[in-house]
PDB file of all heavy atoms in Angstrom:
ATOM      1  N   ILE A   1     103.864 -17.109-149.053  1.00  0.00           N
ATOM      2  CA  ILE A   1     104.913 -16.944-148.018  1.00  0.00           C
ATOM      3  C   ILE A   1     104.238 -17.016-146.649  1.00  0.00           C
ATOM      4  O   ILE A   1     103.259 -16.287-146.366  1.00  0.00           O
ATOM      5  CB  ILE A   1     105.650 -15.583-148.189  1.00  0.00           C
ATOM      6  CG1 ILE A   1     106.327 -15.569-149.551  1.00  0.00           C
ATOM      7  CG2 ILE A   1     106.657 -15.407-147.066  1.00  0.00           C
ATOM      8  CD1 ILE A   1     106.976 -14.245-149.862  1.00  0.00           C
ATOM      9  N   ALA A   2     104.807 -17.893-145.779  1.00  0.00           N
ATOM     10  CA  ALA A   2     104.246 -18.101-144.458  1.00  0.00           C
ATOM     11  C   ALA A   2     104.859 -17.008-143.543  1.00  0.00           C
ATOM     12  O   ALA A   2     105.937 -16.592-143.703  1.00  0.00           O
ATOM     13  CB  ALA A   2     104.529 -19.493-143.969  1.00  0.00           C
ATOM     14  N   PRO A   3     104.027 -16.605-142.550  1.00  0.00           N
ATOM     15  CA  PRO A   3     104.478 -15.675-141.515  1.00  0.00           C
ATOM     16  C   PRO A   3     105.800 -16.123-140.864  1.00  0.00           C
ATOM     17  O   PRO A   3     106.641 -15.304-140.612  1.00  0.00           O
ATOM     18  CB  PRO A   3     103.365 -15.652-140.502  1.00  0.00           C
ATOM     19  CG  PRO A   3     102.169 -15.961-141.313  1.00  0.00           C
ATOM     20  CD  PRO A   3     102.577 -17.066-142.293  1.00  0.00           C
ATOM     21  N   GLU A   4     105.952 -17.438-140.716  1.00  0.00           N
ATOM     22  CA  GLU A   4     107.129 -17.901-140.107  1.00  0.00           C
ATOM     23  C   GLU A   4     108.387 -17.710-140.990  1.00  0.00           C
ATOM     24  O   GLU A   4     109.432 -17.431-140.492  1.00  0.00           O
ATOM     25  CB  GLU A   4     107.029 -19.427-139.824  1.00  0.00           C
ATOM     26  CG  GLU A   4     105.914 -19.869-138.842  1.00  0.00           C
ATOM     27  CD  GLU A   4     104.569 -19.891-139.479  1.00  0.00           C
ATOM     28  OE1 GLU A   4     104.450 -19.994-140.720  1.00  0.00           O
ATOM     29  OE2 GLU A   4     103.594 -19.746-138.674  1.00  0.00           O
ATOM     30  N   GLN A   5     108.198 -17.726-142.363  1.00  0.00           N
ATOM     31  CA  GLN A   5     109.279 -17.382-143.258  1.00  0.00           C
ATOM     32  C   GLN A   5     109.715 -15.944-143.084  1.00  0.00           C
ATOM     33  O   GLN A   5     110.895 -15.633-143.089  1.00  0.00           O
ATOM     34  CB  GLN A   5     108.902 -17.660-144.648  1.00  0.00           C
ATOM     35  CG  GLN A   5     108.767 -19.213-144.963  1.00  0.00           C
ATOM     36  CD  GLN A   5     108.271 -19.430-146.285  1.00  0.00           C
ATOM     37  OE1 GLN A   5     107.075 -19.096-146.607  1.00  0.00           O
ATOM     38  NE2 GLN A   5     109.083 -19.937-147.229  1.00  0.00           N
ATOM     39  N   ILE A   6     108.721 -15.119-142.965  1.00  0.00           N
ATOM     40  CA  ILE A   6     109.042 -13.646-142.835  1.00  0.00           C
ATOM     41  C   ILE A   6     109.770 -13.395-141.573  1.00  0.00           C
ATOM     42  O   ILE A   6     110.793 -12.627-141.487  1.00  0.00           O
ATOM     43  CB  ILE A   6     107.690 -12.835-142.896  1.00  0.00           C
ATOM     44  CG1 ILE A   6     106.996 -12.974-144.231  1.00  0.00           C
ATOM     45  CG2 ILE A   6     107.947 -11.331-142.502  1.00  0.00           C
ATOM     46  CD1 ILE A   6     105.581 -12.416-144.349  1.00  0.00           C
ATOM     47  N   GLN A   7     109.349 -13.996-140.449  1.00  0.00           N
ATOM     48  CA  GLN A   7     110.020 -13.888-139.182  1.00  0.00           C
ATOM     49  C   GLN A   7     111.446 -14.331-139.218  1.00  0.00           C
ATOM     50  O   GLN A   7     112.350 -13.689-138.781  1.00  0.00           O
ATOM     51  CB  GLN A   7     109.215 -14.552-138.040  1.00  0.00           C
ATOM     52  CG  GLN A   7     109.822 -14.347-136.669  1.00  0.00           C
ATOM     53  CD  GLN A   7     109.870 -12.924-136.215  1.00  0.00           C
ATOM     54  OE1 GLN A   7     108.857 -12.180-136.517  1.00  0.00           O
ATOM     55  NE2 GLN A   7     110.889 -12.553-135.573  1.00  0.00           N
ATOM     56  N   SER A   8     111.618 -15.497-139.810  1.00  0.00           N
ATOM     57  CA  SER A   8     113.006 -16.135-139.876  1.00  0.00           C
ATOM     58  C   SER A   8     113.927 -15.260-140.711  1.00  0.00           C
ATOM     59  O   SER A   8     115.083 -15.060-140.375  1.00  0.00           O
ATOM     60  CB  SER A   8     112.970 -17.583-140.282  1.00  0.00           C
ATOM     61  OG  SER A   8     112.570 -17.678-141.594  1.00  0.00           O
ATOM     62  N   THR A   9     113.428 -14.739-141.872  1.00  0.00           N
ATOM     63  CA  THR A   9     114.238 -13.817-142.674  1.00  0.00           C
ATOM     64  C   THR A   9     114.565 -12.563-141.918  1.00  0.00           C
ATOM     65  O   THR A   9     115.637 -12.090-142.019  1.00  0.00           O
ATOM     66  CB  THR A   9     113.450 -13.525-143.992  1.00  0.00           C
ATOM     67  OG1 THR A   9     113.235 -14.772-144.691  1.00  0.00           O
ATOM     68  CG2 THR A   9     114.242 -12.513-144.879  1.00  0.00           C
ATOM     69  N   TYR A  10     113.552 -11.993-141.226  1.00  0.00           N
ATOM     70  CA  TYR A  10     113.850 -10.796-140.422  1.00  0.00           C
ATOM     71  C   TYR A  10     114.977 -11.080-139.425  1.00  0.00           C
ATOM     72  O   TYR A  10     115.922 -10.214-139.366  1.00  0.00           O
ATOM     73  CB  TYR A  10     112.600 -10.417-139.660  1.00  0.00           C
ATOM     74  CG  TYR A  10     112.828  -9.267-138.670  1.00  0.00           C
ATOM     75  CD1 TYR A  10     112.980  -7.992-139.022  1.00  0.00           C
ATOM     76  CD2 TYR A  10     113.015  -9.657-137.272  1.00  0.00           C
ATOM     77  CE1 TYR A  10     113.238  -7.007-138.056  1.00  0.00           C
ATOM     78  CE2 TYR A  10     113.252  -8.714-136.350  1.00  0.00           C
ATOM     79  CZ  TYR A  10     113.417  -7.343-136.737  1.00  0.00           C
ATOM     80  OH  TYR A  10     113.640  -6.408-135.851  1.00  0.00           O
ATOM     81  N   GLU A  11     114.869 -12.176-138.757  1.00  0.00           N
ATOM     82  CA  GLU A  11     115.945 -12.465-137.711  1.00  0.00           C
ATOM     83  C   GLU A  11     117.321 -12.654-138.386  1.00  0.00           C
ATOM     84  O   GLU A  11     118.380 -12.304-137.828  1.00  0.00           O
ATOM     85  CB  GLU A  11     115.511 -13.699-136.966  1.00  0.00           C
ATOM     86  CG  GLU A  11     114.353 -13.415-136.020  1.00  0.00           C
ATOM     87  CD  GLU A  11     113.712 -14.655-135.432  1.00  0.00           C
ATOM     88  OE1 GLU A  11     114.266 -15.823-135.702  1.00  0.00           O
ATOM     89  OE2 GLU A  11     112.715 -14.567-134.737  1.00  0.00           O
ATOM     90  N   LEU A  12     117.295 -13.264-139.531  1.00  0.00           N
ATOM     91  CA  LEU A  12     118.528 -13.454-140.321  1.00  0.00           C
ATOM     92  C   LEU A  12     119.255 -12.170-140.731  1.00  0.00           C
ATOM     93  O   LEU A  12     120.446 -12.019-140.637  1.00  0.00           O
ATOM     94  CB  LEU A  12     118.204 -14.321-141.530  1.00  0.00           C
ATOM     95  CG  LEU A  12     119.400 -14.805-142.437  1.00  0.00           C
ATOM     96  CD1 LEU A  12     120.181 -15.816-141.692  1.00  0.00           C
ATOM     97  CD2 LEU A  12     118.874 -15.412-143.697  1.00  0.00           C
ATOM     98  N   ILE A  13     118.434 -11.299-141.263  1.00  0.00           N
ATOM     99  CA  ILE A  13     119.071 -10.016-141.798  1.00  0.00           C
ATOM    100  C   ILE A  13     119.176  -8.855-140.836  1.00  0.00           C
ATOM    101  O   ILE A  13     119.910  -7.873-141.079  1.00  0.00           O
ATOM    102  CB  ILE A  13     118.416  -9.591-143.115  1.00  0.00           C
ATOM    103  CG1 ILE A  13     117.018  -9.118-142.884  1.00  0.00           C
ATOM    104  CG2 ILE A  13     118.463 -10.671-144.182  1.00  0.00           C
ATOM    105  CD1 ILE A  13     116.249  -8.489-144.022  1.00  0.00           C
ATOM    106  N   ALA A  14     118.465  -8.930-139.657  1.00  0.00           N
ATOM    107  CA  ALA A  14     118.342  -7.867-138.758  1.00  0.00           C
ATOM    108  C   ALA A  14     119.758  -7.301-138.354  1.00  0.00           C
ATOM    109  O   ALA A  14     119.852  -6.042-138.257  1.00  0.00           O
ATOM    110  CB  ALA A  14     117.583  -8.228-137.508  1.00  0.00           C
ATOM    111  N   PRO A  15     120.784  -8.074-138.156  1.00  0.00           N
ATOM    112  CA  PRO A  15     122.028  -7.544-137.683  1.00  0.00           C
ATOM    113  C   PRO A  15     122.756  -6.693-138.709  1.00  0.00           C
ATOM    114  O   PRO A  15     123.603  -5.940-138.461  1.00  0.00           O
ATOM    115  CB  PRO A  15     122.897  -8.760-137.327  1.00  0.00           C
ATOM    116  CG  PRO A  15     121.926  -9.894-137.180  1.00  0.00           C
ATOM    117  CD  PRO A  15     120.760  -9.559-138.073  1.00  0.00           C
ATOM    118  N   PHE A  16     122.261  -6.896-140.005  1.00  0.00           N
ATOM    119  CA  PHE A  16     123.030  -6.161-141.120  1.00  0.00           C
ATOM    120  C   PHE A  16     122.288  -4.978-141.734  1.00  0.00           C
ATOM    121  O   PHE A  16     122.876  -4.248-142.572  1.00  0.00           O
ATOM    122  CB  PHE A  16     123.323  -7.237-142.213  1.00  0.00           C
ATOM    123  CG  PHE A  16     123.917  -8.460-141.681  1.00  0.00           C
ATOM    124  CD1 PHE A  16     123.178  -9.581-141.553  1.00  0.00           C
ATOM    125  CD2 PHE A  16     125.301  -8.354-141.315  1.00  0.00           C
ATOM    126  CE1 PHE A  16     123.821 -10.800-141.070  1.00  0.00           C
ATOM    127  CE2 PHE A  16     125.854  -9.521-140.760  1.00  0.00           C
ATOM    128  CZ  PHE A  16     125.182 -10.713-140.616  1.00  0.00           C
ATOM    129  N   VAL A  17     120.991  -4.762-141.522  1.00  0.00           N
ATOM    130  CA  VAL A  17     120.247  -3.762-142.107  1.00  0.00           C
ATOM    131  C   VAL A  17     119.758  -2.740-141.070  1.00  0.00           C
ATOM    132  O   VAL A  17     119.594  -3.031-139.948  1.00  0.00           O
ATOM    133  CB  VAL A  17     119.072  -4.282-142.945  1.00  0.00           C
ATOM    134  CG1 VAL A  17     119.530  -5.157-144.059  1.00  0.00           C
ATOM    135  CG2 VAL A  17     118.088  -4.990-142.070  1.00  0.00           C
ATOM    136  N   ARG A  18     119.515  -1.514-141.589  1.00  0.00           N
ATOM    137  CA  ARG A  18     119.082  -0.449-140.693  1.00  0.00           C
ATOM    138  C   ARG A  18     117.450  -0.572-140.707  1.00  0.00           C
ATOM    139  O   ARG A  18     116.895  -0.878-141.709  1.00  0.00           O
ATOM    140  CB  ARG A  18     119.464   0.877-141.259  1.00  0.00           C
ATOM    141  CG  ARG A  18     120.879   1.166-141.156  1.00  0.00           C
ATOM    142  CD  ARG A  18     121.206   2.566-141.708  1.00  0.00           C
ATOM    143  NE  ARG A  18     122.651   2.814-141.563  1.00  0.00           N
ATOM    144  CZ  ARG A  18     123.312   3.558-142.342  1.00  0.00           C
ATOM    145  NH1 ARG A  18     122.715   4.227-143.363  1.00  0.00           N
ATOM    146  NH2 ARG A  18     124.627   3.767-142.089  1.00  0.00           N
ATOM    147  N   ARG A  19     116.940  -0.182-139.570  1.00  0.00           N
ATOM    148  CA  ARG A  19     115.449   0.021-139.524  1.00  0.00           C
ATOM    149  C   ARG A  19     115.179   1.378-140.093  1.00  0.00           C
ATOM    150  O   ARG A  19     115.680   2.298-139.603  1.00  0.00           O
ATOM    151  CB  ARG A  19     114.972  -0.091-138.057  1.00  0.00           C
ATOM    152  CG  ARG A  19     115.059  -1.589-137.513  1.00  0.00           C
ATOM    153  CD  ARG A  19     114.366  -1.627-136.196  1.00  0.00           C
ATOM    154  NE  ARG A  19     112.879  -1.305-136.451  1.00  0.00           N
ATOM    155  CZ  ARG A  19     111.970  -1.866-135.851  1.00  0.00           C
ATOM    156  NH1 ARG A  19     112.182  -2.794-134.955  1.00  0.00           N
ATOM    157  NH2 ARG A  19     110.769  -1.555-136.072  1.00  0.00           N
ATOM    158  N   THR A  20     114.495   1.406-141.118  1.00  0.00           N
ATOM    159  CA  THR A  20     114.187   2.657-141.820  1.00  0.00           C
ATOM    160  C   THR A  20     112.834   3.127-141.553  1.00  0.00           C
ATOM    161  O   THR A  20     111.858   2.350-141.284  1.00  0.00           O
ATOM    162  CB  THR A  20     114.368   2.505-143.317  1.00  0.00           C
ATOM    163  OG1 THR A  20     113.543   1.469-143.753  1.00  0.00           O
ATOM    164  CG2 THR A  20     115.732   2.219-143.719  1.00  0.00           C
ATOM    165  N   PRO A  21     112.622   4.468-141.373  1.00  0.00           N
ATOM    166  CA  PRO A  21     111.307   4.946-140.976  1.00  0.00           C
ATOM    167  C   PRO A  21     110.272   4.902-142.100  1.00  0.00           C
ATOM    168  O   PRO A  21     110.602   4.836-143.289  1.00  0.00           O
ATOM    169  CB  PRO A  21     111.621   6.402-140.628  1.00  0.00           C
ATOM    170  CG  PRO A  21     112.854   6.753-141.348  1.00  0.00           C
ATOM    171  CD  PRO A  21     113.651   5.503-141.508  1.00  0.00           C
ATOM    172  N   VAL A  22     109.021   4.923-141.612  1.00  0.00           N
ATOM    173  CA  VAL A  22     107.915   5.096-142.561  1.00  0.00           C
ATOM    174  C   VAL A  22     107.266   6.430-142.221  1.00  0.00           C
ATOM    175  O   VAL A  22     107.098   6.747-141.043  1.00  0.00           O
ATOM    176  CB  VAL A  22     106.887   3.987-142.319  1.00  0.00           C
ATOM    177  CG1 VAL A  22     105.616   4.224-143.091  1.00  0.00           C
ATOM    178  CG2 VAL A  22     107.421   2.631-142.591  1.00  0.00           C
ATOM    179  N   ILE A  23     107.032   7.278-143.238  1.00  0.00           N
ATOM    180  CA  ILE A  23     106.441   8.522-143.005  1.00  0.00           C
ATOM    181  C   ILE A  23     105.178   8.691-143.887  1.00  0.00           C
ATOM    182  O   ILE A  23     105.034   7.975-144.916  1.00  0.00           O
ATOM    183  CB  ILE A  23     107.410   9.728-143.294  1.00  0.00           C
ATOM    184  CG1 ILE A  23     107.831   9.747-144.846  1.00  0.00           C
ATOM    185  CG2 ILE A  23     108.691   9.616-142.398  1.00  0.00           C
ATOM    186  CD1 ILE A  23     108.618  11.018-145.221  1.00  0.00           C
ATOM    187  N   GLU A  24     104.326   9.595-143.469  1.00  0.00           N
ATOM    188  CA  GLU A  24     103.148   9.852-144.264  1.00  0.00           C
ATOM    189  C   GLU A  24     103.217  11.385-144.740  1.00  0.00           C
ATOM    190  O   GLU A  24     103.571  12.175-143.950  1.00  0.00           O
ATOM    191  CB  GLU A  24     101.804   9.629-143.479  1.00  0.00           C
ATOM    192  CG  GLU A  24     101.563   8.197-143.221  1.00  0.00           C
ATOM    193  CD  GLU A  24     100.317   7.893-142.571  1.00  0.00           C
ATOM    194  OE1 GLU A  24      99.535   8.931-142.243  1.00  0.00           O
ATOM    195  OE2 GLU A  24      99.977   6.797-142.265  1.00  0.00           O
ATOM    196  N   VAL A  25     102.933  11.537-146.018  1.00  0.00           N
ATOM    197  CA  VAL A  25     102.952  12.903-146.627  1.00  0.00           C
ATOM    198  C   VAL A  25     101.719  13.109-147.419  1.00  0.00           C
ATOM    199  O   VAL A  25     101.007  12.114-147.754  1.00  0.00           O
ATOM    200  CB  VAL A  25     104.268  13.138-147.485  1.00  0.00           C
ATOM    201  CG1 VAL A  25     105.465  13.009-146.609  1.00  0.00           C
ATOM    202  CG2 VAL A  25     104.268  12.118-148.579  1.00  0.00           C
ATOM    203  N   ASP A  26     101.437  14.299-147.781  1.00  0.00           N
ATOM    204  CA  ASP A  26     100.295  14.616-148.690  1.00  0.00           C
ATOM    205  C   ASP A  26     100.833  14.733-150.070  1.00  0.00           C
ATOM    206  O   ASP A  26     101.785  15.367-150.401  1.00  0.00           O
ATOM    207  CB  ASP A  26      99.639  15.966-148.293  1.00  0.00           C
ATOM    208  CG  ASP A  26      98.263  16.049-148.906  1.00  0.00           C
ATOM    209  OD1 ASP A  26      98.242  16.010-150.195  1.00  0.00           O
ATOM    210  OD2 ASP A  26      97.247  16.261-148.207  1.00  0.00           O
ATOM    211  N   ALA A  27     100.171  14.005-151.044  1.00  0.00           N
ATOM    212  CA  ALA A  27     100.589  14.051-152.448  1.00  0.00           C
ATOM    213  C   ALA A  27     100.604  15.451-153.025  1.00  0.00           C
ATOM    214  O   ALA A  27     101.403  15.726-153.925  1.00  0.00           O
ATOM    215  CB  ALA A  27      99.743  13.098-153.273  1.00  0.00           C
ATOM    216  N   SER A  28      99.735  16.310-152.416  1.00  0.00           N
ATOM    217  CA  SER A  28      99.677  17.640-152.958  1.00  0.00           C
ATOM    218  C   SER A  28     101.013  18.391-152.828  1.00  0.00           C
ATOM    219  O   SER A  28     101.333  19.322-153.489  1.00  0.00           O
ATOM    220  CB  SER A  28      98.525  18.436-152.376  1.00  0.00           C
ATOM    221  OG  SER A  28      98.727  18.616-150.971  1.00  0.00           O
ATOM    222  N   ASP A  29     101.891  17.997-151.835  1.00  0.00           N
ATOM    223  CA  ASP A  29     103.159  18.547-151.607  1.00  0.00           C
ATOM    224  C   ASP A  29     104.090  18.286-152.803  1.00  0.00           C
ATOM    225  O   ASP A  29     105.097  18.959-152.970  1.00  0.00           O
ATOM    226  CB  ASP A  29     103.878  17.932-150.381  1.00  0.00           C
ATOM    227  CG  ASP A  29     103.173  18.372-149.092  1.00  0.00           C
ATOM    228  OD1 ASP A  29     102.391  19.351-149.125  1.00  0.00           O
ATOM    229  OD2 ASP A  29     103.330  17.681-148.022  1.00  0.00           O
ATOM    230  N   PHE A  30     103.707  17.290-153.650  1.00  0.00           N
ATOM    231  CA  PHE A  30     104.519  16.937-154.818  1.00  0.00           C
ATOM    232  C   PHE A  30     103.743  17.301-156.096  1.00  0.00           C
ATOM    233  O   PHE A  30     104.128  16.832-157.158  1.00  0.00           O
ATOM    234  CB  PHE A  30     104.829  15.467-154.884  1.00  0.00           C
ATOM    235  CG  PHE A  30     105.570  15.063-153.567  1.00  0.00           C
ATOM    236  CD1 PHE A  30     104.897  14.499-152.520  1.00  0.00           C
ATOM    237  CD2 PHE A  30     106.917  15.291-153.508  1.00  0.00           C
ATOM    238  CE1 PHE A  30     105.561  14.121-151.357  1.00  0.00           C
ATOM    239  CE2 PHE A  30     107.649  14.891-152.312  1.00  0.00           C
ATOM    240  CZ  PHE A  30     106.915  14.296-151.282  1.00  0.00           C
ATOM    241  N   GLY A  31     102.758  18.254-156.016  1.00  0.00           N
ATOM    242  CA  GLY A  31     102.073  18.679-157.209  1.00  0.00           C
ATOM    243  C   GLY A  31     100.985  17.724-157.718  1.00  0.00           C
ATOM    244  O   GLY A  31     100.535  17.877-158.889  1.00  0.00           O
ATOM    245  N   MET A  32     100.608  16.777-156.915  1.00  0.00           N
ATOM    246  CA  MET A  32      99.559  15.819-157.323  1.00  0.00           C
ATOM    247  C   MET A  32      98.327  16.091-156.635  1.00  0.00           C
ATOM    248  O   MET A  32      98.310  17.010-155.709  1.00  0.00           O
ATOM    249  CB  MET A  32     100.057  14.392-156.988  1.00  0.00           C
ATOM    250  CG  MET A  32     101.241  13.879-157.805  1.00  0.00           C
ATOM    251  SD  MET A  32     101.732  12.274-157.441  1.00  0.00           S
ATOM    252  CE  MET A  32     102.364  12.275-155.783  1.00  0.00           C
ATOM    253  N   ARG A  33      97.193  15.516-156.950  1.00  0.00           N
ATOM    254  CA  ARG A  33      95.957  15.768-156.179  1.00  0.00           C
ATOM    255  C   ARG A  33      96.104  15.305-154.764  1.00  0.00           C
ATOM    256  O   ARG A  33      96.772  14.289-154.559  1.00  0.00           O
ATOM    257  CB  ARG A  33      94.759  15.295-156.977  1.00  0.00           C
ATOM    258  CG  ARG A  33      94.609  13.813-156.973  1.00  0.00           C
ATOM    259  CD  ARG A  33      93.353  13.346-157.683  1.00  0.00           C
ATOM    260  NE  ARG A  33      93.633  11.970-157.983  1.00  0.00           N
ATOM    261  CZ  ARG A  33      93.349  11.411-159.111  1.00  0.00           C
ATOM    262  NH1 ARG A  33      92.796  12.104-160.115  1.00  0.00           N
ATOM    263  NH2 ARG A  33      93.634  10.175-159.384  1.00  0.00           N
ATOM    264  N   PRO A  34      95.434  15.851-153.853  1.00  0.00           N
ATOM    265  CA  PRO A  34      95.587  15.546-152.437  1.00  0.00           C
ATOM    266  C   PRO A  34      95.250  14.044-152.171  1.00  0.00           C
ATOM    267  O   PRO A  34      94.223  13.529-152.662  1.00  0.00           O
ATOM    268  CB  PRO A  34      94.559  16.418-151.748  1.00  0.00           C
ATOM    269  CG  PRO A  34      94.433  17.631-152.711  1.00  0.00           C
ATOM    270  CD  PRO A  34      94.528  17.092-154.028  1.00  0.00           C
ATOM    271  N   ALA A  35      96.102  13.464-151.544  1.00  0.00           N
ATOM    272  CA  ALA A  35      95.959  12.068-151.110  1.00  0.00           C
ATOM    273  C   ALA A  35      97.082  11.768-150.150  1.00  0.00           C
ATOM    274  O   ALA A  35      98.156  12.358-150.122  1.00  0.00           O
ATOM    275  CB  ALA A  35      96.084  11.013-152.301  1.00  0.00           C
ATOM    276  N   ARG A  36      96.772  10.789-149.198  1.00  0.00           N
ATOM    277  CA  ARG A  36      97.781  10.462-148.243  1.00  0.00           C
ATOM    278  C   ARG A  36      98.759   9.399-148.880  1.00  0.00           C
ATOM    279  O   ARG A  36      98.349   8.427-149.436  1.00  0.00           O
ATOM    280  CB  ARG A  36      97.181   9.844-146.967  1.00  0.00           C
ATOM    281  CG  ARG A  36      98.209   9.584-145.900  1.00  0.00           C
ATOM    282  CD  ARG A  36      97.549   8.947-144.741  1.00  0.00           C
ATOM    283  NE  ARG A  36      97.273   7.547-145.043  1.00  0.00           N
ATOM    284  CZ  ARG A  36      96.674   6.721-144.322  1.00  0.00           C
ATOM    285  NH1 ARG A  36      96.067   7.093-143.189  1.00  0.00           N
ATOM    286  NH2 ARG A  36      96.445   5.496-144.646  1.00  0.00           N
ATOM    287  N   LEU A  37     100.075   9.674-148.800  1.00  0.00           N
ATOM    288  CA  LEU A  37     101.094   8.781-149.330  1.00  0.00           C
ATOM    289  C   LEU A  37     101.837   8.187-148.110  1.00  0.00           C
ATOM    290  O   LEU A  37     102.245   9.000-147.164  1.00  0.00           O
ATOM    291  CB  LEU A  37     102.048   9.419-150.206  1.00  0.00           C
ATOM    292  CG  LEU A  37     101.528  10.034-151.558  1.00  0.00           C
ATOM    293  CD1 LEU A  37     102.603  10.736-152.325  1.00  0.00           C
ATOM    294  CD2 LEU A  37     100.883   8.953-152.365  1.00  0.00           C
ATOM    295  N   THR A  38     102.155   6.919-148.041  1.00  0.00           N
ATOM    296  CA  THR A  38     102.923   6.361-147.076  1.00  0.00           C
ATOM    297  C   THR A  38     104.247   5.940-147.718  1.00  0.00           C
ATOM    298  O   THR A  38     104.299   5.217-148.706  1.00  0.00           O
ATOM    299  CB  THR A  38     102.277   5.194-146.445  1.00  0.00           C
ATOM    300  OG1 THR A  38     101.013   5.528-145.950  1.00  0.00           O
ATOM    301  CG2 THR A  38     103.077   4.495-145.301  1.00  0.00           C
ATOM    302  N   LEU A  39     105.336   6.503-147.220  1.00  0.00           N
ATOM    303  CA  LEU A  39     106.742   6.227-147.806  1.00  0.00           C
ATOM    304  C   LEU A  39     107.582   5.492-146.808  1.00  0.00           C
ATOM    305  O   LEU A  39     107.660   5.822-145.634  1.00  0.00           O
ATOM    306  CB  LEU A  39     107.330   7.527-148.208  1.00  0.00           C
ATOM    307  CG  LEU A  39     106.508   8.406-149.147  1.00  0.00           C
ATOM    308  CD1 LEU A  39     107.253   9.795-149.283  1.00  0.00           C
ATOM    309  CD2 LEU A  39     106.306   7.739-150.454  1.00  0.00           C
ATOM    310  N   LYS A  40     108.287   4.445-147.303  1.00  0.00           N
ATOM    311  CA  LYS A  40     109.289   3.771-146.478  1.00  0.00           C
ATOM    312  C   LYS A  40     110.678   4.227-146.950  1.00  0.00           C
ATOM    313  O   LYS A  40     110.982   4.057-148.174  1.00  0.00           O
ATOM    314  CB  LYS A  40     109.161   2.213-146.698  1.00  0.00           C
ATOM    315  CG  LYS A  40     110.143   1.402-145.999  1.00  0.00           C
ATOM    316  CD  LYS A  40     109.636   0.950-144.658  1.00  0.00           C
ATOM    317  CE  LYS A  40     110.536  -0.122-144.093  1.00  0.00           C
ATOM    318  NZ  LYS A  40     111.248   0.378-142.895  1.00  0.00           N
ATOM    319  N   LEU A  41     111.374   4.854-146.119  1.00  0.00           N
ATOM    320  CA  LEU A  41     112.619   5.512-146.539  1.00  0.00           C
ATOM    321  C   LEU A  41     113.806   4.603-146.602  1.00  0.00           C
ATOM    322  O   LEU A  41     114.817   4.701-145.960  1.00  0.00           O
ATOM    323  CB  LEU A  41     112.871   6.652-145.558  1.00  0.00           C
ATOM    324  CG  LEU A  41     111.754   7.718-145.484  1.00  0.00           C
ATOM    325  CD1 LEU A  41     112.116   8.847-144.520  1.00  0.00           C
ATOM    326  CD2 LEU A  41     111.331   8.254-146.802  1.00  0.00           C
ATOM    327  N   GLU A  42     113.776   3.678-147.616  1.00  0.00           N
ATOM    328  CA  GLU A  42     114.846   2.685-147.745  1.00  0.00           C
ATOM    329  C   GLU A  42     116.104   3.296-148.320  1.00  0.00           C
ATOM    330  O   GLU A  42     117.088   2.734-148.236  1.00  0.00           O
ATOM    331  CB  GLU A  42     114.325   1.603-148.667  1.00  0.00           C
ATOM    332  CG  GLU A  42     113.363   0.650-148.037  1.00  0.00           C
ATOM    333  CD  GLU A  42     113.989  -0.143-146.907  1.00  0.00           C
ATOM    334  OE1 GLU A  42     114.922  -0.871-147.044  1.00  0.00           O
ATOM    335  OE2 GLU A  42     113.435   0.016-145.772  1.00  0.00           O
ATOM    336  N   GLN A  43     116.036   4.582-148.810  1.00  0.00           N
ATOM    337  CA  GLN A  43     117.240   5.236-149.214  1.00  0.00           C
ATOM    338  C   GLN A  43     118.203   5.518-148.141  1.00  0.00           C
ATOM    339  O   GLN A  43     119.377   5.834-148.317  1.00  0.00           O
ATOM    340  CB  GLN A  43     116.971   6.489-150.046  1.00  0.00           C
ATOM    341  CG  GLN A  43     116.516   7.638-149.152  1.00  0.00           C
ATOM    342  CD  GLN A  43     115.041   7.807-148.883  1.00  0.00           C
ATOM    343  OE1 GLN A  43     114.339   6.750-149.014  1.00  0.00           O
ATOM    344  NE2 GLN A  43     114.560   8.910-148.475  1.00  0.00           N
ATOM    345  N   LEU A  44     117.707   5.278-146.814  1.00  0.00           N
ATOM    346  CA  LEU A  44     118.592   5.444-145.703  1.00  0.00           C
ATOM    347  C   LEU A  44     119.410   4.205-145.394  1.00  0.00           C
ATOM    348  O   LEU A  44     120.132   4.122-144.420  1.00  0.00           O
ATOM    349  CB  LEU A  44     117.784   5.845-144.495  1.00  0.00           C
ATOM    350  CG  LEU A  44     117.023   7.226-144.690  1.00  0.00           C
ATOM    351  CD1 LEU A  44     116.183   7.498-143.500  1.00  0.00           C
ATOM    352  CD2 LEU A  44     118.009   8.348-144.903  1.00  0.00           C
TER     353      LEU A  44
END
């Protein structure tokens, strides 16, 4: 996939989708061994 394809798709769908946040949490908050987790909150 070329960067131009990503950009054109972004421009195509941007009016219809929400920009969702990315957050960082510690895996130990979920009972796992400590590690940084990056989550994209697409459920929004």
